[in-house]
Amino acid sequence: MKRSIPFCWKWWKCYLNFKPVFTFICYWIVIIQQKAMKEKNNLLIESMRLPLAFLLGIWLIHIFQIIFNLDFGYLGVFPREWFGLKGIISSPLIHGDFSHLTNNSIPFLVLGTMMLFFYKRVAIPSFFMIYFLTGSAVWLLARQTFHIGLSGVVFGLVTFVMSNGFFRRNVKSIVLALIVFLLYSGMLAGVFPLKEGVSWESHLFGALAGIFTAYYFKEEIEADEIDPYAEEEIDEANRPYFLPRDIFEKTKEERRREAEERDDGWYSNSTF
């Protein structure tokens, strides 16, 4: 009697026969995964370059100010005075001390990188909109004193990412909004006049500028935010229907008359 080959032995022989094919497939799977990881790492590094370059400039300005014992406070925004208009551009570049600068630098780097990585299409125009709206609102409405620091822009970036979760309502934007809320929600208390010597107006107007900017760019959807399974919108006006759309809006007599006119007077009430 011929002995049957165990089932597992058959599978083993099958594997040995096709081992080169399996090895080739596994090799290319690993290569593709490594390439995808490398591209993501490159994109992350690329997203960090502009925030780092911007921060480098701010730090050099502050170090220059310290070395030569200068005070650039006059470059801040001074509300409702013509000489204070220059501060709309220069005030975020000026800081009072290293503590002030450090407290703004870390969240700016995190949020700036996040915007360029996840919202690449709108990151740069959003940054400039927040930058200039914040300074302009401070010049128009804030107390008459010099306002300096990057904190207004940082508050704008915080509310921009958080507001995108509400305005865009996709998984990515909601997750990012929750992350930023957990990291920086404590900062939002800075929009109130709770501490002397702090420009709470910059914080408040920066936060409002971030919300407005998120709303303004809400239709600028990134490629990874498009739902591939979303149903295409149907043109209801040109959509074909089995029965006329107004069939239940007319009486039997009205339909009979229309049928007579359409068929040159021929019409039958019978089903035969």
Foldseek 3Di string as FASTA:
>chain_A
DDDDDDPVVVVVVVCVVCVVVVVVVVVVVVVVVVVVVVVLVVQLVVLLVVLVVLLVQLVVVVVVCVVVVHAPLQQFAFAPDPSRLSNLPCQQSDDDDVVQSVVLSVLSSVLSSVCCNAVVVCSVVLLVQLSNQLSVQCNHDNDGDGHHHNLLSSLLSLLLLLLLCVLQVFPVSVVSNVVSCVVCVVVLVLCDPPDPPHRSSSNVSSNVSSNVSSNVCSVVDDPVRDDPPDDDDDDPVPDDDPDPPCPVVDDPVVVQVVVCVVVVRDDDPDPD
